[in-house]
N, C-alpha and C. Protein backbone atom coordinates (compact mmCIF):
# COMPACT_ATOMS: atom_id res chain seq x y z
N MET A 1 1.41 -1.44 0.26
CA MET A 1 0.10 -0.11 0.09
C MET A 1 0.85 1.22 0.17
N ASN A 2 0.27 2.03 -1.09
CA ASN A 2 1.25 3.93 -0.64
C ASN A 2 -0.08 4.79 -0.09
N LEU A 3 0.77 6.01 -0.93
CA LEU A 3 0.06 7.18 -0.39
C LEU A 3 -1.37 7.23 -0.80
N TRP A 4 -0.64 7.20 -2.41
CA TRP A 4 -1.48 7.08 -3.16
C TRP A 4 -3.04 6.73 -3.18
N ASP A 5 -2.41 4.89 -2.31
CA ASP A 5 -4.25 4.16 -2.25
C ASP A 5 -5.19 4.73 -0.16
N VAL A 6 -3.68 5.31 0.12
CA VAL A 6 -4.78 6.18 1.34
C VAL A 6 -5.48 6.76 1.19
N GLU A 7 -5.29 8.09 0.08
CA GLU A 7 -5.27 9.30 -0.06
C GLU A 7 -6.07 9.43 -0.96
N VAL A 8 -5.99 8.65 -2.53
CA VAL A 8 -7.00 8.92 -3.31
C VAL A 8 -7.37 7.02 -3.56
N GLY A 9 -7.08 6.66 -3.23
CA GLY A 9 -8.15 5.30 -3.59
C GLY A 9 -9.16 4.79 -2.94
N ARG A 10 -9.22 6.21 -1.65
CA ARG A 10 -10.38 6.72 -0.60
C ARG A 10 -11.25 6.23 -2.02
N PHE A 11 -11.51 7.45 -2.34
CA PHE A 11 -12.41 8.15 -3.48
C PHE A 11 -13.59 6.93 -5.23
N ALA A 12 -12.47 5.96 -4.55
CA ALA A 12 -12.14 5.05 -5.78
C ALA A 12 -14.46 4.57 -5.85
N ASP A 13 -15.41 4.28 -5.13
CA ASP A 13 -16.74 3.96 -4.95
C ASP A 13 -17.38 5.70 -5.64
N ASP A 14 -17.25 6.17 -4.36
CA ASP A 14 -17.18 7.83 -5.32
C ASP A 14 -17.33 8.75 -6.51
N LEU A 15 -15.98 8.21 -7.77
CA LEU A 15 -15.60 8.13 -8.66
C LEU A 15 -16.64 7.61 -9.87
N GLN A 16 -17.20 6.38 -9.27
CA GLN A 16 -18.32 5.39 -10.04
C GLN A 16 -19.09 6.14 -10.51
N ARG A 17 -19.60 6.84 -9.84
CA ARG A 17 -20.93 7.86 -9.66
C ARG A 17 -20.85 8.97 -10.29
N CYS A 18 -19.74 9.04 -10.99
CA CYS A 18 -19.47 10.61 -11.76
C CYS A 18 -19.64 10.05 -13.23
N SER A 19 -19.96 11.26 -13.83
CA SER A 19 -20.46 11.66 -15.22
C SER A 19 -18.53 11.16 -15.63
N PHE A 20 -19.34 10.70 -17.85
CA PHE A 20 -18.55 10.78 -17.74
C PHE A 20 -17.61 11.60 -19.01
N GLY A 21 -17.88 12.58 -18.59
CA GLY A 21 -17.27 14.37 -19.03
C GLY A 21 -16.78 15.00 -17.81
N ALA A 22 -17.56 14.71 -17.32
CA ALA A 22 -15.79 15.27 -14.99
C ALA A 22 -14.79 13.99 -14.86
N LEU A 23 -15.23 12.87 -15.50
CA LEU A 23 -14.37 12.14 -15.89
C LEU A 23 -12.85 12.96 -16.52
N ARG A 24 -13.20 12.64 -18.02
CA ARG A 24 -12.84 13.33 -18.46
C ARG A 24 -11.26 14.65 -18.95
N GLN A 25 -12.56 15.06 -17.79
CA GLN A 25 -11.95 16.21 -16.69
C GLN A 25 -11.33 16.29 -16.36
N LEU A 26 -11.38 15.63 -15.99
CA LEU A 26 -10.49 15.45 -14.30
C LEU A 26 -9.20 13.72 -14.99
N GLY A 27 -9.15 13.50 -15.65
CA GLY A 27 -8.02 12.85 -15.96
C GLY A 27 -7.20 13.58 -16.42
N LEU A 28 -7.55 13.76 -17.46
CA LEU A 28 -6.88 15.32 -18.73
C LEU A 28 -5.97 16.40 -17.44
N ARG A 29 -6.94 16.43 -16.53
CA ARG A 29 -6.66 18.03 -15.94
C ARG A 29 -4.87 17.59 -15.11
N VAL A 30 -5.48 15.61 -14.75
CA VAL A 30 -4.22 15.39 -13.55
C VAL A 30 -3.30 15.05 -14.23
N ILE A 31 -3.69 14.76 -15.52
CA ILE A 31 -2.64 13.99 -15.87
C ILE A 31 -1.49 15.39 -16.47
N GLU A 32 -2.22 16.91 -16.97
CA GLU A 32 -1.22 18.20 -17.24
C GLU A 32 0.12 19.00 -15.41
N ASP A 33 -0.99 18.71 -15.09
CA ASP A 33 -0.52 18.60 -13.34
C ASP A 33 0.00 18.00 -13.07
N THR A 34 0.45 16.73 -13.31
CA THR A 34 1.45 15.96 -12.51
C THR A 34 2.39 16.65 -12.44
N VAL A 35 2.82 17.14 -14.44
CA VAL A 35 4.61 17.38 -14.65
C VAL A 35 5.04 18.81 -13.83
N THR A 36 3.81 18.98 -13.10
CA THR A 36 4.55 20.59 -12.40
C THR A 36 4.38 20.00 -11.20
N VAL A 37 4.64 19.11 -10.83
CA VAL A 37 4.89 17.89 -9.47
C VAL A 37 6.34 17.26 -9.36
N TYR A 38 7.17 17.17 -10.23
CA TYR A 38 7.89 17.05 -10.50
C TYR A 38 9.24 17.80 -9.73
N GLY A 39 8.90 19.36 -10.09
CA GLY A 39 10.41 19.85 -9.70
C GLY A 39 11.49 19.97 -10.34
N ARG A 40 11.09 19.26 -11.82
CA ARG A 40 12.22 19.76 -12.86
C ARG A 40 11.45 20.58 -14.03
N PRO A 41 11.26 20.78 -15.26
CA PRO A 41 10.86 21.12 -15.99
C PRO A 41 10.87 20.08 -16.86
N VAL A 42 9.98 19.20 -18.06
CA VAL A 42 9.64 18.35 -18.98
C VAL A 42 10.97 18.22 -19.09
N ASP A 43 11.18 19.48 -20.11
CA ASP A 43 11.76 19.54 -21.22
C ASP A 43 12.98 18.79 -19.97
N GLU A 44 13.85 18.93 -18.68
CA GLU A 44 15.26 18.83 -18.32
C GLU A 44 14.62 17.04 -18.54
N LEU A 45 13.51 16.76 -17.51
CA LEU A 45 13.46 15.49 -16.85
C LEU A 45 13.73 14.80 -18.28
N PHE A 46 12.66 14.70 -19.69
CA PHE A 46 12.97 13.64 -20.65
C PHE A 46 13.20 13.68 -21.04
N ASP A 47 13.90 12.97 -22.47
CA ASP A 47 14.58 12.84 -23.41
C ASP A 47 13.39 13.82 -24.68
N GLU A 48 13.77 14.21 -25.71
CA GLU A 48 13.15 14.89 -26.22
C GLU A 48 11.40 14.64 -27.25
N SER A 49 11.95 13.24 -27.40
CA SER A 49 11.13 11.84 -27.79
C SER A 49 9.80 12.15 -26.75
N THR A 50 10.27 11.53 -26.15
CA THR A 50 8.81 11.66 -24.61
C THR A 50 8.49 12.40 -23.84
N VAL A 51 9.13 13.77 -24.07
CA VAL A 51 7.95 15.34 -23.74
C VAL A 51 7.19 15.98 -25.47
N THR A 52 8.07 14.40 -26.35
CA THR A 52 7.18 15.48 -27.67
C THR A 52 5.35 14.41 -27.53
N PHE A 53 6.01 13.27 -27.92
CA PHE A 53 5.18 12.15 -27.37
C PHE A 53 3.55 12.81 -26.63
N TYR A 54 4.13 13.49 -24.67
CA TYR A 54 3.14 13.83 -23.89
C TYR A 54 2.46 14.95 -24.23
N ARG A 55 3.22 15.75 -24.83
CA ARG A 55 2.72 16.71 -25.46
C ARG A 55 1.97 16.47 -26.79
N ARG A 56 1.50 15.28 -27.96
CA ARG A 56 0.99 15.22 -28.50
C ARG A 56 -0.07 15.01 -28.35
N ALA A 57 0.38 14.10 -27.35
CA ALA A 57 -0.93 13.26 -26.47
C ALA A 57 -2.17 13.55 -26.13
N LEU A 58 -1.75 14.95 -25.25
CA LEU A 58 -2.63 16.19 -24.17
C LEU A 58 -3.29 16.61 -25.74
N ASP A 59 -2.81 17.03 -26.58
CA ASP A 59 -3.19 17.73 -28.08
C ASP A 59 -4.65 16.59 -28.61
N GLU A 60 -3.75 15.54 -28.81
CA GLU A 60 -5.39 14.48 -29.36
C GLU A 60 -6.10 14.73 -28.17
N PHE A 61 -5.60 14.40 -26.48
CA PHE A 61 -6.95 13.89 -25.33
C PHE A 61 -7.77 15.35 -25.60
N ARG A 62 -7.11 16.41 -26.16
CA ARG A 62 -7.38 18.17 -25.83
C ARG A 62 -8.75 17.79 -27.00
N SER A 63 -8.40 17.45 -28.04
CA SER A 63 -9.18 18.17 -29.74
C SER A 63 -10.62 16.70 -29.17
N PHE A 64 -10.58 16.08 -28.46
CA PHE A 64 -11.10 14.16 -28.85
C PHE A 64 -12.44 14.47 -28.77
N ASP A 65 -13.06 14.07 -29.89
CA ASP A 65 -14.90 14.19 -30.34
C ASP A 65 -14.91 12.76 -29.54
N ALA A 66 -15.25 12.51 -28.42
CA ALA A 66 -16.34 11.74 -28.39
C ALA A 66 -17.99 10.71 -29.35
N ALA A 67 -18.19 12.37 -30.10
CA ALA A 67 -19.77 11.49 -30.51
C ALA A 67 -18.84 11.10 -32.23
N GLY A 68 -16.79 11.97 -32.51
CA GLY A 68 -16.76 11.64 -33.48
C GLY A 68 -16.23 9.59 -33.52
N SER A 69 -15.96 9.22 -35.21
CA SER A 69 -15.30 8.26 -35.34
C SER A 69 -13.99 7.65 -34.73
N VAL A 70 -14.87 7.27 -33.45
CA VAL A 70 -13.90 6.64 -32.58
C VAL A 70 -12.76 6.07 -33.00
N ASP A 71 -13.10 4.63 -34.52
CA ASP A 71 -12.55 4.14 -35.54
C ASP A 71 -11.23 4.53 -35.63
N ALA A 72 -11.38 5.27 -36.57
CA ALA A 72 -9.67 6.27 -36.53
C ALA A 72 -9.61 7.07 -36.06
N VAL A 73 -9.86 7.80 -34.80
CA VAL A 73 -9.15 8.15 -33.74
C VAL A 73 -8.79 6.07 -32.95
N ARG A 74 -8.73 5.36 -33.21
CA ARG A 74 -7.87 4.23 -32.48
C ARG A 74 -6.94 4.09 -33.34
N GLU A 75 -7.11 3.73 -34.86
CA GLU A 75 -6.08 4.15 -35.56
C GLU A 75 -5.01 5.30 -35.38
N GLU A 76 -5.03 6.35 -34.96
CA GLU A 76 -4.24 7.12 -34.91
C GLU A 76 -3.43 7.14 -33.94
N TRP A 77 -4.68 6.29 -32.03
CA TRP A 77 -3.57 6.29 -31.90
C TRP A 77 -2.86 5.53 -31.06
N ASP A 78 -3.15 4.17 -32.17
CA ASP A 78 -2.58 2.99 -31.70
C ASP A 78 -1.17 3.48 -33.31
N ARG A 79 -0.69 4.25 -33.76
CA ARG A 79 -0.10 5.24 -34.07
C ARG A 79 1.17 5.42 -32.99
N LEU A 80 0.63 6.08 -32.32
CA LEU A 80 1.22 7.17 -31.77
C LEU A 80 1.15 6.71 -30.47
N PHE A 81 0.98 5.34 -30.63
CA PHE A 81 1.52 5.27 -29.15
C PHE A 81 2.44 4.12 -29.29
N LYS A 82 2.19 3.45 -30.20
CA LYS A 82 3.79 2.30 -31.02
C LYS A 82 5.06 2.62 -30.39
N ASP A 83 5.29 3.66 -31.03
CA ASP A 83 6.65 4.25 -30.25
C ASP A 83 6.76 5.59 -29.11
N ALA A 84 5.96 5.06 -28.06
CA ALA A 84 6.60 5.62 -27.17
C ALA A 84 7.12 4.82 -26.27
N TRP A 85 6.84 3.45 -26.12
CA TRP A 85 7.84 2.86 -24.82
C TRP A 85 8.95 2.32 -26.15
N ASP A 86 9.92 3.48 -26.00
CA ASP A 86 11.32 3.44 -26.53
C ASP A 86 11.87 4.44 -24.96
N TRP A 87 11.35 4.37 -24.16
CA TRP A 87 12.31 5.59 -22.40
C TRP A 87 13.48 4.44 -22.01
N GLN A 88 13.79 2.81 -22.14
CA GLN A 88 14.31 2.48 -21.37
C GLN A 88 15.69 3.51 -20.95
N ASP A 89 16.58 3.31 -22.74
CA ASP A 89 18.21 4.74 -22.82
C ASP A 89 17.48 5.58 -22.51
N SER A 90 16.27 6.35 -21.65
CA SER A 90 16.34 7.54 -22.11
C SER A 90 16.47 8.63 -20.57
N ARG A 91 16.79 9.41 -20.38
CA ARG A 91 16.32 10.07 -19.03
C ARG A 91 15.68 9.34 -18.33
N SER A 92 15.75 9.73 -17.23
CA SER A 92 14.44 9.14 -15.90
C SER A 92 13.44 8.12 -16.15
N PRO A 93 14.25 6.99 -17.00
CA PRO A 93 12.85 5.98 -17.02
C PRO A 93 11.85 5.53 -16.88
N PHE A 94 12.22 5.69 -15.49
CA PHE A 94 11.15 4.35 -14.34
C PHE A 94 9.75 5.82 -13.97
N THR A 95 10.75 7.40 -14.28
CA THR A 95 9.29 8.44 -14.41
C THR A 95 8.48 8.38 -15.95
N ALA A 96 9.34 8.12 -16.55
CA ALA A 96 8.31 8.53 -18.31
C ALA A 96 7.80 7.16 -18.56
N ALA A 97 7.28 6.05 -17.65
CA ALA A 97 7.67 4.52 -17.73
C ALA A 97 5.59 4.83 -17.55
N SER A 98 5.52 5.48 -16.11
CA SER A 98 4.89 5.42 -15.70
C SER A 98 4.13 6.70 -15.86
N LEU A 99 4.75 8.00 -17.11
CA LEU A 99 3.12 8.65 -17.80
C LEU A 99 2.87 8.14 -18.95
N CYS A 100 4.18 7.41 -19.53
CA CYS A 100 3.59 6.87 -20.53
C CYS A 100 2.01 6.13 -20.84
N GLN A 101 2.57 5.13 -19.08
CA GLN A 101 1.25 4.05 -19.13
C GLN A 101 0.07 4.80 -18.59
N ALA A 102 -0.15 5.95 -18.33
CA ALA A 102 -0.78 7.20 -16.85
C ALA A 102 -1.67 7.24 -18.50
N LEU A 103 -1.12 8.21 -19.96
CA LEU A 103 -1.36 8.07 -20.67
C LEU A 103 -2.54 6.56 -22.07
N ALA A 104 -1.19 6.04 -22.15
CA ALA A 104 -2.06 5.38 -22.30
C ALA A 104 -3.26 4.09 -22.33
N GLN A 105 -3.56 4.81 -20.80
CA GLN A 105 -4.50 4.00 -20.26
C GLN A 105 -5.94 5.25 -20.43
N TYR A 106 -5.47 6.26 -20.24
CA TYR A 106 -6.28 7.57 -20.74
C TYR A 106 -6.56 7.34 -21.97
N ALA A 107 -6.15 7.19 -22.96
CA ALA A 107 -6.44 6.70 -24.19
C ALA A 107 -7.80 5.54 -24.75
N ASP A 108 -7.21 4.29 -23.83
CA ASP A 108 -7.77 3.80 -23.23
C ASP A 108 -9.71 4.32 -22.72
N PHE A 109 -9.62 4.63 -21.52
CA PHE A 109 -10.71 5.57 -20.89
C PHE A 109 -11.18 6.47 -22.65
N LEU A 110 -10.67 6.76 -22.77
CA LEU A 110 -11.67 8.43 -23.70
C LEU A 110 -12.47 6.89 -24.69
N LEU A 111 -12.11 6.61 -24.85
CA LEU A 111 -12.15 5.84 -26.44
C LEU A 111 -13.34 4.18 -25.68
N GLY A 112 -13.42 4.54 -24.23
CA GLY A 112 -14.17 4.22 -24.01
C GLY A 112 -14.00 1.90 -23.51
N GLU A 113 -12.78 1.99 -23.72
CA GLU A 113 -12.15 0.40 -23.77
C GLU A 113 -11.61 0.27 -22.22
N ALA A 114 -12.09 0.67 -21.28
CA ALA A 114 -11.79 0.27 -20.16
C ALA A 114 -12.57 2.17 -19.22
N ALA A 115 -13.42 0.71 -18.01
CA ALA A 115 -14.97 1.31 -17.32
C ALA A 115 -14.12 2.79 -16.75
N PRO A 116 -14.81 3.10 -16.11
CA PRO A 116 -14.88 4.15 -15.05
C PRO A 116 -13.91 3.97 -13.72
N GLU A 117 -13.16 2.68 -13.53
CA GLU A 117 -12.33 1.76 -13.27
C GLU A 117 -10.92 2.11 -13.57
N GLY A 118 -10.99 2.51 -15.49
CA GLY A 118 -9.85 2.99 -15.58
C GLY A 118 -9.12 3.69 -15.31
N LEU A 119 -10.03 4.75 -14.99
CA LEU A 119 -9.09 7.30 -14.74
C LEU A 119 -9.05 6.15 -13.55
N LEU A 120 -9.01 5.76 -12.66
CA LEU A 120 -8.22 5.22 -11.84
C LEU A 120 -7.52 4.70 -11.91
N GLU A 121 -7.04 4.08 -13.21
CA GLU A 121 -5.48 3.39 -13.23
C GLU A 121 -4.84 4.60 -13.51
N VAL A 122 -5.16 5.84 -14.19
CA VAL A 122 -4.70 6.57 -14.74
C VAL A 122 -4.29 7.90 -12.87
N LEU A 123 -5.28 7.54 -12.18
CA LEU A 123 -4.36 8.33 -11.62
C LEU A 123 -3.74 7.47 -10.99
N SER A 124 -3.38 6.35 -10.80
CA SER A 124 -2.60 6.15 -9.93
C SER A 124 -1.38 6.18 -10.79
N SER A 125 -1.02 5.70 -12.04
CA SER A 125 0.34 5.88 -12.95
C SER A 125 0.26 7.40 -13.37
N CYS A 126 -0.18 8.45 -13.05
CA CYS A 126 0.37 9.66 -12.62
C CYS A 126 1.35 9.79 -10.73
N TYR A 127 0.55 9.10 -10.28
CA TYR A 127 1.32 9.36 -8.82
C TYR A 127 2.98 8.22 -8.80
N GLU A 128 2.16 7.40 -9.68
CA GLU A 128 3.71 6.12 -9.42
C GLU A 128 4.73 7.04 -10.29
N SER A 129 4.30 7.85 -11.39
CA SER A 129 5.22 8.35 -11.57
C SER A 129 6.10 9.09 -10.83
N VAL A 130 5.40 9.70 -10.42
CA VAL A 130 5.62 11.53 -9.01
C VAL A 130 6.52 10.30 -8.29
N LEU A 131 6.36 9.36 -8.10
CA LEU A 131 6.69 8.94 -6.57
C LEU A 131 8.36 8.23 -7.86
N SER A 132 7.93 7.65 -8.42
CA SER A 132 9.19 7.20 -9.51
C SER A 132 10.35 8.26 -9.22
N SER A 133 10.43 10.33 -9.84
CA SER A 133 10.44 11.21 -9.95
C SER A 133 11.42 10.90 -8.65
N ALA A 134 10.31 11.30 -7.24
CA ALA A 134 10.90 11.05 -6.13
C ALA A 134 12.49 10.56 -5.62
N SER A 135 12.90 9.05 -7.16
CA SER A 135 13.82 8.81 -5.72
C SER A 135 14.10 8.88 -4.85
N LEU A 136 13.02 7.82 -3.79
CA LEU A 136 13.48 7.30 -2.30
C LEU A 136 13.68 6.47 -1.82
N GLY A 137 14.04 5.45 -2.99
CA GLY A 137 15.08 4.40 -2.98
C GLY A 137 14.17 3.06 -3.02
N ARG A 138 14.73 1.71 -2.66
CA ARG A 138 13.61 0.61 -3.37
C ARG A 138 12.53 0.25 -2.87
N ILE A 139 13.42 0.30 -1.68
CA ILE A 139 11.89 0.11 0.13
C ILE A 139 11.60 1.07 0.33
N VAL A 140 10.64 1.61 -0.32
CA VAL A 140 9.83 2.75 -0.15
C VAL A 140 8.93 2.64 0.87
N THR A 141 8.54 3.81 1.94
CA THR A 141 7.68 3.48 3.02
C THR A 141 6.58 4.15 3.46
N LEU A 142 5.27 4.76 3.01
CA LEU A 142 3.82 4.87 4.19
C LEU A 142 4.58 6.22 4.25
N ASP A 143 5.36 6.56 5.62
CA ASP A 143 6.48 7.38 5.91
C ASP A 143 7.18 8.13 5.07
N MET A 144 7.45 7.71 4.13
CA MET A 144 8.58 7.98 3.53
C MET A 144 7.62 9.21 2.29
N GLU A 145 7.09 8.48 1.84
CA GLU A 145 5.88 9.24 0.97
C GLU A 145 5.41 11.14 2.02
N ARG A 146 4.44 10.77 2.43
CA ARG A 146 3.90 11.56 3.45
C ARG A 146 4.80 12.61 3.54
N GLU A 147 6.57 11.99 3.54
CA GLU A 147 7.78 13.36 4.73
C GLU A 147 7.49 13.98 3.12
N ASP A 148 7.65 12.80 1.65
CA ASP A 148 8.27 13.78 0.88
C ASP A 148 6.95 14.95 0.30
N ARG A 149 7.62 15.31 -0.22
CA ARG A 149 6.73 16.92 -0.60
C ARG A 149 6.31 16.67 -1.93
N ARG A 150 6.65 16.57 -3.32
CA ARG A 150 6.34 15.42 -4.46
C ARG A 150 5.46 14.48 -3.88
N CYS A 151 5.69 13.78 -3.36
CA CYS A 151 4.57 12.61 -2.91
C CYS A 151 3.07 13.44 -2.53
N HIS A 152 3.47 14.21 -1.51
CA HIS A 152 2.39 15.20 -1.29
C HIS A 152 1.65 15.85 -1.66
N GLN A 153 1.94 16.55 -2.33
CA GLN A 153 1.98 17.69 -3.58
C GLN A 153 1.14 16.58 -4.53
N ALA A 154 1.17 15.86 -4.24
CA ALA A 154 0.09 14.76 -6.56
C ALA A 154 -1.03 14.02 -5.50
N VAL A 155 -0.62 13.72 -4.16
CA VAL A 155 -2.09 13.12 -3.38
C VAL A 155 -3.18 14.60 -3.20
N THR A 156 -2.18 15.76 -3.23
CA THR A 156 -3.09 16.75 -3.15
C THR A 156 -4.15 17.61 -4.12
N LEU A 157 -3.31 17.11 -4.90
CA LEU A 157 -3.44 17.38 -6.66
C LEU A 157 -4.81 17.28 -6.80
N GLN A 158 -4.80 15.09 -6.97
CA GLN A 158 -5.78 15.18 -7.26
C GLN A 158 -7.00 14.62 -6.59
N SER A 159 -6.48 14.73 -5.09
CA SER A 159 -7.86 14.29 -4.14
C SER A 159 -7.93 16.58 -4.30
N VAL A 160 -7.71 16.87 -4.88
CA VAL A 160 -9.23 18.91 -4.97
C VAL A 160 -9.06 18.32 -6.37
N LEU A 161 -9.05 18.27 -6.51
CA LEU A 161 -9.32 18.56 -8.48
C LEU A 161 -10.95 17.14 -8.05
N ILE A 162 -9.98 16.22 -7.81
CA ILE A 162 -11.44 15.16 -7.99
C ILE A 162 -12.92 15.93 -6.90
N GLU A 163 -12.13 16.93 -5.77
CA GLU A 163 -13.24 16.81 -5.23
C GLU A 163 -14.08 18.43 -6.24
N GLN A 164 -12.92 19.02 -7.36
CA GLN A 164 -14.06 20.54 -7.23
C GLN A 164 -15.39 19.75 -8.58
N ILE A 165 -13.92 18.55 -9.93
CA ILE A 165 -14.19 18.70 -10.31
C ILE A 165 -15.40 17.77 -10.57
N CYS A 166 -15.73 16.62 -9.94
CA CYS A 166 -15.95 15.24 -9.79
C CYS A 166 -17.03 16.20 -8.49
N ALA A 167 -17.64 16.85 -7.42
CA ALA A 167 -17.81 17.32 -6.41
C ALA A 167 -18.44 16.40 -5.59
N ILE A 168 -17.19 16.12 -5.13
CA ILE A 168 -17.17 15.14 -3.99
C ILE A 168 -16.75 15.38 -3.10
N PRO A 169 -16.84 15.31 -1.96
CA PRO A 169 -16.53 15.52 -0.29
C PRO A 169 -15.21 14.45 0.62
């Protein structure tokens, strides 16, 4: 169990009752705002290919029209994501891996391939990217996460956005 499970996972049942529109907005905001928690600009943290992929994915997500042709979007996104997993030899590979995972999970959510529970996975992957960037060590305790400024900021960010966007107290 990590800090995200304790602080954000508690919203799981309530998120099931949120509209698709609210969940869509929540997921996008969490992805966009997570990178501000790293403590370094994405241009410094990641290789150019990861930054380009991240920005292009966000552009695609912002312009996504759920009423449009999902098949055409799925094909385009399949091409976009096909080469997105080449982060092993890049800077901050574990952080990049978790962020890319969140992007892929969010794409699945938008395309209807993941039930609302899929959005929880997006939020979790975003937190994992922050936890990786914090470099707390191989064995991380809940207390270590609570004491880390970035981990605390990430769960606070997600909790506040859930409360604001989904009107969950």
